């Protein structure tokens, strides 16, 4: 998703991907370039109108990273780790920030 898409489209996409990742049978097939591109873009949103979309994207990234065979592709994605790091820098203290940090620590050693 690029800047031409409205926030509502990005928010809906984040919620859909988040919901899909709750089903175990989807976790491995979701780790593909287009889904990771979308998650990284949404996780990187900032500003007053972003509401929950970045959080949904981060939660989805965390969920996908729980499967070991997904980690290499996720670690090697050009923007995913950057989105996670930027989120942890900007996010207020809390469990989601802590989970994002743990996910970074899972992915970085693979590089």
N, C-alpha and C. Protein backbone atom coordinates (compact mmCIF):
# COMPACT_ATOMS: atom_id res chain seq x y z
N UNK A 1 0.85 -1.19 0.00
CA UNK A 1 0.00 0.00 0.00
C UNK A 1 0.88 1.23 0.00
N UNK A 2 0.58 2.15 -0.88
CA UNK A 2 1.38 3.36 -0.93
C UNK A 2 0.56 4.53 -0.39
N UNK A 3 1.11 5.72 -0.51
CA UNK A 3 0.46 6.91 0.04
C UNK A 3 -0.84 7.28 -0.66
N UNK A 4 -1.09 6.69 -1.83
CA UNK A 4 -2.32 7.02 -2.53
C UNK A 4 -3.54 6.34 -1.92
N UNK A 5 -3.31 5.31 -1.11
CA UNK A 5 -4.42 4.63 -0.45
C UNK A 5 -4.82 5.38 0.80
N UNK A 6 -6.11 5.47 1.03
CA UNK A 6 -6.60 6.18 2.20
C UNK A 6 -6.28 5.42 3.47
N UNK A 7 -6.37 6.14 4.58
CA UNK A 7 -6.12 5.50 5.86
C UNK A 7 -7.12 4.37 6.08
N UNK A 8 -8.37 4.56 5.70
CA UNK A 8 -9.39 3.52 5.91
C UNK A 8 -9.01 2.22 5.21
N UNK A 9 -8.47 2.31 4.02
CA UNK A 9 -8.05 1.11 3.29
C UNK A 9 -6.91 0.43 4.05
N UNK A 10 -5.96 1.21 4.52
CA UNK A 10 -4.82 0.64 5.26
C UNK A 10 -5.29 0.02 6.56
N UNK A 11 -6.21 0.67 7.24
CA UNK A 11 -6.74 0.16 8.50
C UNK A 11 -7.47 -1.16 8.27
N UNK A 12 -8.30 -1.21 7.25
CA UNK A 12 -9.02 -2.46 6.92
C UNK A 12 -8.05 -3.57 6.55
N UNK A 13 -7.04 -3.25 5.76
CA UNK A 13 -6.05 -4.25 5.37
C UNK A 13 -5.33 -4.79 6.60
N UNK A 14 -4.97 -3.91 7.52
CA UNK A 14 -4.29 -4.34 8.74
C UNK A 14 -5.17 -5.27 9.57
N UNK A 15 -6.44 -4.93 9.70
CA UNK A 15 -7.37 -5.77 10.47
C UNK A 15 -7.57 -7.13 9.80
N UNK A 16 -7.70 -7.14 8.49
CA UNK A 16 -7.89 -8.40 7.76
C UNK A 16 -6.68 -9.30 7.94
N UNK A 17 -5.48 -8.75 7.75
CA UNK A 17 -4.27 -9.56 7.91
C UNK A 17 -4.13 -10.04 9.34
N UNK A 18 -4.46 -9.19 10.29
CA UNK A 18 -4.41 -9.57 11.71
C UNK A 18 -5.35 -10.75 11.96
N UNK A 19 -6.55 -10.67 11.45
CA UNK A 19 -7.52 -11.74 11.64
C UNK A 19 -7.08 -13.04 10.95
N UNK A 20 -6.54 -12.92 9.75
CA UNK A 20 -6.06 -14.12 9.05
C UNK A 20 -4.95 -14.81 9.82
N UNK A 21 -4.09 -14.04 10.46
CA UNK A 21 -2.96 -14.61 11.20
C UNK A 21 -3.38 -15.32 12.48
N UNK A 22 -4.62 -15.18 12.87
CA UNK A 22 -5.08 -15.88 14.07
C UNK A 22 -5.33 -17.36 13.81
N UNK A 23 -5.39 -17.75 12.55
CA UNK A 23 -5.62 -19.15 12.19
C UNK A 23 -4.27 -19.81 11.85
N UNK A 24 -3.96 -20.86 12.58
CA UNK A 24 -2.67 -21.53 12.41
C UNK A 24 -2.38 -21.93 10.97
N UNK A 25 -3.40 -22.35 10.24
CA UNK A 25 -3.17 -22.80 8.87
C UNK A 25 -2.74 -21.67 7.93
N UNK A 26 -2.91 -20.43 8.35
CA UNK A 26 -2.53 -19.28 7.50
C UNK A 26 -1.13 -18.76 7.77
N UNK A 27 -0.56 -19.11 8.89
CA UNK A 27 0.67 -18.46 9.34
C UNK A 27 1.83 -18.62 8.35
N UNK A 28 2.03 -19.79 7.82
CA UNK A 28 3.15 -19.99 6.91
C UNK A 28 2.90 -19.38 5.54
N UNK A 29 1.67 -19.49 5.04
CA UNK A 29 1.40 -18.97 3.69
C UNK A 29 1.34 -17.44 3.66
N UNK A 30 1.20 -16.81 4.81
CA UNK A 30 1.13 -15.35 4.84
C UNK A 30 2.51 -14.70 4.71
N UNK A 31 3.56 -15.46 4.93
CA UNK A 31 4.90 -14.88 4.86
C UNK A 31 5.37 -14.92 3.41
N UNK A 32 4.90 -13.91 2.69
CA UNK A 32 5.29 -13.72 1.29
C UNK A 32 5.56 -12.22 1.12
N UNK A 33 6.24 -11.87 0.05
CA UNK A 33 6.68 -10.48 -0.14
C UNK A 33 5.53 -9.48 -0.09
N UNK A 34 4.44 -9.76 -0.77
CA UNK A 34 3.35 -8.78 -0.81
C UNK A 34 2.72 -8.55 0.56
N UNK A 35 2.54 -9.60 1.33
CA UNK A 35 1.96 -9.44 2.68
C UNK A 35 2.96 -8.72 3.58
N UNK A 36 4.22 -9.10 3.50
CA UNK A 36 5.23 -8.43 4.35
C UNK A 36 5.41 -6.96 3.95
N UNK A 37 5.34 -6.68 2.65
CA UNK A 37 5.40 -5.28 2.21
C UNK A 37 4.25 -4.48 2.82
N UNK A 38 3.07 -5.06 2.78
CA UNK A 38 1.88 -4.39 3.32
C UNK A 38 2.00 -4.19 4.82
N UNK A 39 2.41 -5.22 5.54
CA UNK A 39 2.56 -5.11 6.99
C UNK A 39 3.61 -4.07 7.37
N UNK A 40 4.74 -4.08 6.67
CA UNK A 40 5.80 -3.10 6.96
C UNK A 40 5.31 -1.67 6.70
N UNK A 41 4.59 -1.48 5.61
CA UNK A 41 4.07 -0.14 5.28
C UNK A 41 3.07 0.34 6.32
N UNK A 42 2.18 -0.53 6.72
CA UNK A 42 1.16 -0.13 7.70
C UNK A 42 1.80 0.06 9.08
N UNK A 43 2.74 -0.80 9.44
CA UNK A 43 3.42 -0.66 10.74
C UNK A 43 4.19 0.65 10.83
N UNK A 44 4.57 1.19 9.69
CA UNK A 44 5.36 2.42 9.66
C UNK A 44 4.52 3.69 9.64
N UNK A 45 3.20 3.54 9.59
CA UNK A 45 2.34 4.73 9.60
C UNK A 45 2.50 5.48 10.91
N UNK A 46 2.42 6.79 10.82
CA UNK A 46 2.46 7.60 12.04
C UNK A 46 1.55 8.80 11.85
N UNK A 47 1.23 9.42 12.94
CA UNK A 47 0.37 10.60 12.87
C UNK A 47 -0.90 10.40 13.64
N UNK A 48 -1.66 11.48 13.77
CA UNK A 48 -2.87 11.43 14.62
C UNK A 48 -4.00 10.57 14.06
N UNK A 49 -4.04 10.34 12.78
CA UNK A 49 -5.16 9.60 12.19
C UNK A 49 -4.87 8.12 11.97
N UNK A 50 -3.78 7.63 12.49
CA UNK A 50 -3.42 6.23 12.23
C UNK A 50 -4.13 5.25 13.16
N UNK A 51 -4.59 5.71 14.29
CA UNK A 51 -5.30 4.88 15.27
C UNK A 51 -4.63 3.55 15.49
N UNK A 52 -5.31 2.47 15.22
CA UNK A 52 -4.83 1.13 15.57
C UNK A 52 -4.13 0.39 14.43
N UNK A 53 -4.13 0.92 13.24
CA UNK A 53 -3.58 0.17 12.10
C UNK A 53 -2.13 -0.29 12.32
N UNK A 54 -1.22 0.59 12.76
CA UNK A 54 0.15 0.11 12.99
C UNK A 54 0.22 -0.98 14.06
N UNK A 55 -0.61 -0.88 15.09
CA UNK A 55 -0.62 -1.90 16.13
C UNK A 55 -1.09 -3.24 15.59
N UNK A 56 -2.12 -3.24 14.75
CA UNK A 56 -2.57 -4.48 14.12
C UNK A 56 -1.44 -5.10 13.29
N UNK A 57 -0.75 -4.26 12.54
CA UNK A 57 0.35 -4.76 11.70
C UNK A 57 1.47 -5.34 12.56
N UNK A 58 1.83 -4.67 13.63
CA UNK A 58 2.89 -5.15 14.52
C UNK A 58 2.47 -6.47 15.17
N UNK A 59 1.23 -6.54 15.63
CA UNK A 59 0.73 -7.79 16.23
C UNK A 59 0.79 -8.94 15.23
N UNK A 60 0.48 -8.65 13.98
CA UNK A 60 0.52 -9.67 12.94
C UNK A 60 1.95 -10.12 12.68
N UNK A 61 2.87 -9.18 12.60
CA UNK A 61 4.29 -9.51 12.40
C UNK A 61 4.77 -10.40 13.55
N UNK A 62 4.42 -10.04 14.76
CA UNK A 62 4.81 -10.83 15.93
C UNK A 62 4.27 -12.25 15.82
N UNK A 63 3.02 -12.36 15.46
CA UNK A 63 2.38 -13.68 15.33
C UNK A 63 3.06 -14.52 14.26
N UNK A 64 3.34 -13.92 13.12
CA UNK A 64 3.99 -14.65 12.03
C UNK A 64 5.40 -15.10 12.41
N UNK A 65 6.08 -14.31 13.22
CA UNK A 65 7.45 -14.64 13.61
C UNK A 65 7.53 -15.78 14.61
N UNK A 66 6.41 -16.20 15.15
CA UNK A 66 6.42 -17.29 16.13
C UNK A 66 6.68 -18.65 15.49
N UNK A 67 6.55 -18.70 14.18
CA UNK A 67 6.83 -19.95 13.45
C UNK A 67 8.26 -19.87 12.93
N UNK A 68 9.09 -20.79 13.39
CA UNK A 68 10.52 -20.73 13.09
C UNK A 68 10.82 -20.67 11.59
N UNK A 69 10.10 -21.43 10.78
CA UNK A 69 10.40 -21.45 9.34
C UNK A 69 10.06 -20.12 8.64
N UNK A 70 9.35 -19.24 9.30
CA UNK A 70 9.04 -17.92 8.74
C UNK A 70 10.15 -16.90 8.97
N UNK A 71 10.96 -17.13 9.95
CA UNK A 71 11.88 -16.09 10.44
C UNK A 71 12.92 -15.64 9.43
N UNK A 72 13.50 -16.54 8.69
CA UNK A 72 14.54 -16.12 7.73
C UNK A 72 13.97 -15.14 6.70
N UNK A 73 12.85 -15.49 6.11
CA UNK A 73 12.25 -14.62 5.10
C UNK A 73 11.85 -13.28 5.72
N UNK A 74 11.36 -13.32 6.94
CA UNK A 74 10.98 -12.08 7.60
C UNK A 74 12.20 -11.23 7.92
N UNK A 75 13.26 -11.85 8.41
CA UNK A 75 14.49 -11.13 8.75
C UNK A 75 15.12 -10.49 7.52
N UNK A 76 15.02 -11.17 6.40
CA UNK A 76 15.65 -10.69 5.17
C UNK A 76 14.78 -9.70 4.39
N UNK A 77 13.55 -9.49 4.82
CA UNK A 77 12.69 -8.54 4.13
C UNK A 77 13.27 -7.13 4.30
N UNK A 78 13.25 -6.36 3.24
CA UNK A 78 13.94 -5.07 3.24
C UNK A 78 13.39 -4.03 4.21
N UNK A 79 12.12 -4.11 4.61
CA UNK A 79 11.55 -3.07 5.47
C UNK A 79 10.95 -3.56 6.79
N UNK A 80 10.83 -4.85 6.95
CA UNK A 80 10.12 -5.39 8.12
C UNK A 80 10.84 -5.07 9.43
N UNK A 81 12.13 -5.34 9.49
CA UNK A 81 12.87 -5.03 10.72
C UNK A 81 12.91 -3.54 11.00
N UNK A 82 13.04 -2.75 9.96
CA UNK A 82 13.02 -1.30 10.13
C UNK A 82 11.71 -0.84 10.73
N UNK A 83 10.61 -1.40 10.25
CA UNK A 83 9.29 -1.05 10.79
C UNK A 83 9.18 -1.44 12.25
N UNK A 84 9.69 -2.63 12.60
CA UNK A 84 9.66 -3.06 14.00
C UNK A 84 10.50 -2.14 14.89
N UNK A 85 11.70 -1.82 14.43
CA UNK A 85 12.57 -0.94 15.23
C UNK A 85 11.94 0.44 15.39
N UNK A 86 11.43 0.99 14.31
CA UNK A 86 10.79 2.32 14.39
C UNK A 86 9.59 2.31 15.32
N UNK A 87 8.83 1.22 15.29
CA UNK A 87 7.69 1.12 16.20
C UNK A 87 8.15 1.12 17.65
N UNK A 88 9.20 0.34 17.95
CA UNK A 88 9.66 0.27 19.34
C UNK A 88 10.23 1.60 19.83
N UNK A 89 10.79 2.37 18.93
CA UNK A 89 11.32 3.69 19.30
C UNK A 89 10.17 4.66 19.61
N UNK A 90 9.11 4.60 18.82
CA UNK A 90 8.02 5.57 18.94
C UNK A 90 6.91 5.16 19.90
N UNK A 91 6.74 3.87 20.12
CA UNK A 91 5.60 3.37 20.91
C UNK A 91 5.78 3.65 22.40
N UNK A 92 4.67 3.89 23.07
CA UNK A 92 4.75 4.03 24.53
C UNK A 92 5.08 2.68 25.16
N UNK A 93 5.60 2.73 26.37
CA UNK A 93 5.92 1.50 27.08
C UNK A 93 4.67 0.63 27.21
N UNK A 94 4.86 -0.65 27.09
CA UNK A 94 3.73 -1.57 27.22
C UNK A 94 4.06 -2.92 26.65
N UNK A 95 3.10 -3.82 26.74
CA UNK A 95 3.34 -5.20 26.33
C UNK A 95 3.59 -5.34 24.83
N UNK A 96 2.91 -4.54 24.01
CA UNK A 96 3.14 -4.65 22.57
C UNK A 96 4.55 -4.20 22.20
N UNK A 97 5.03 -3.15 22.82
CA UNK A 97 6.40 -2.70 22.58
C UNK A 97 7.39 -3.78 23.01
N UNK A 98 7.14 -4.40 24.16
CA UNK A 98 8.02 -5.47 24.64
C UNK A 98 8.02 -6.66 23.70
N UNK A 99 6.85 -7.03 23.18
CA UNK A 99 6.76 -8.15 22.23
C UNK A 99 7.48 -7.81 20.93
N UNK A 100 7.38 -6.56 20.49
CA UNK A 100 8.07 -6.14 19.27
C UNK A 100 9.58 -6.23 19.47
N UNK A 101 10.06 -5.85 20.64
CA UNK A 101 11.49 -5.96 20.94
C UNK A 101 11.94 -7.42 20.92
N UNK A 102 11.15 -8.30 21.52
CA UNK A 102 11.50 -9.73 21.52
C UNK A 102 11.52 -10.28 20.09
N UNK A 103 10.61 -9.79 19.26
CA UNK A 103 10.57 -10.24 17.86
C UNK A 103 11.83 -9.79 17.12
N UNK A 104 12.26 -8.58 17.37
CA UNK A 104 13.52 -8.10 16.77
C UNK A 104 14.67 -9.02 17.18
N UNK A 105 14.70 -9.38 18.45
CA UNK A 105 15.77 -10.25 18.95
C UNK A 105 15.69 -11.66 18.36
N UNK A 106 14.51 -12.10 17.96
CA UNK A 106 14.37 -13.38 17.26
C UNK A 106 14.90 -13.32 15.83
N UNK A 107 14.66 -12.17 15.17
CA UNK A 107 14.96 -12.06 13.75
C UNK A 107 16.39 -11.64 13.45
N UNK A 108 16.96 -10.76 14.25
CA UNK A 108 18.29 -10.21 13.94
C UNK A 108 19.38 -11.28 13.88
N UNK A 109 19.43 -12.24 14.81
CA UNK A 109 20.51 -13.24 14.73
C UNK A 109 20.52 -14.04 13.43
N UNK A 110 19.42 -14.10 12.75
CA UNK A 110 19.33 -14.86 11.49
C UNK A 110 20.15 -14.17 10.40
N UNK A 111 20.27 -12.86 10.49
CA UNK A 111 21.01 -12.10 9.49
C UNK A 111 22.50 -12.38 9.66
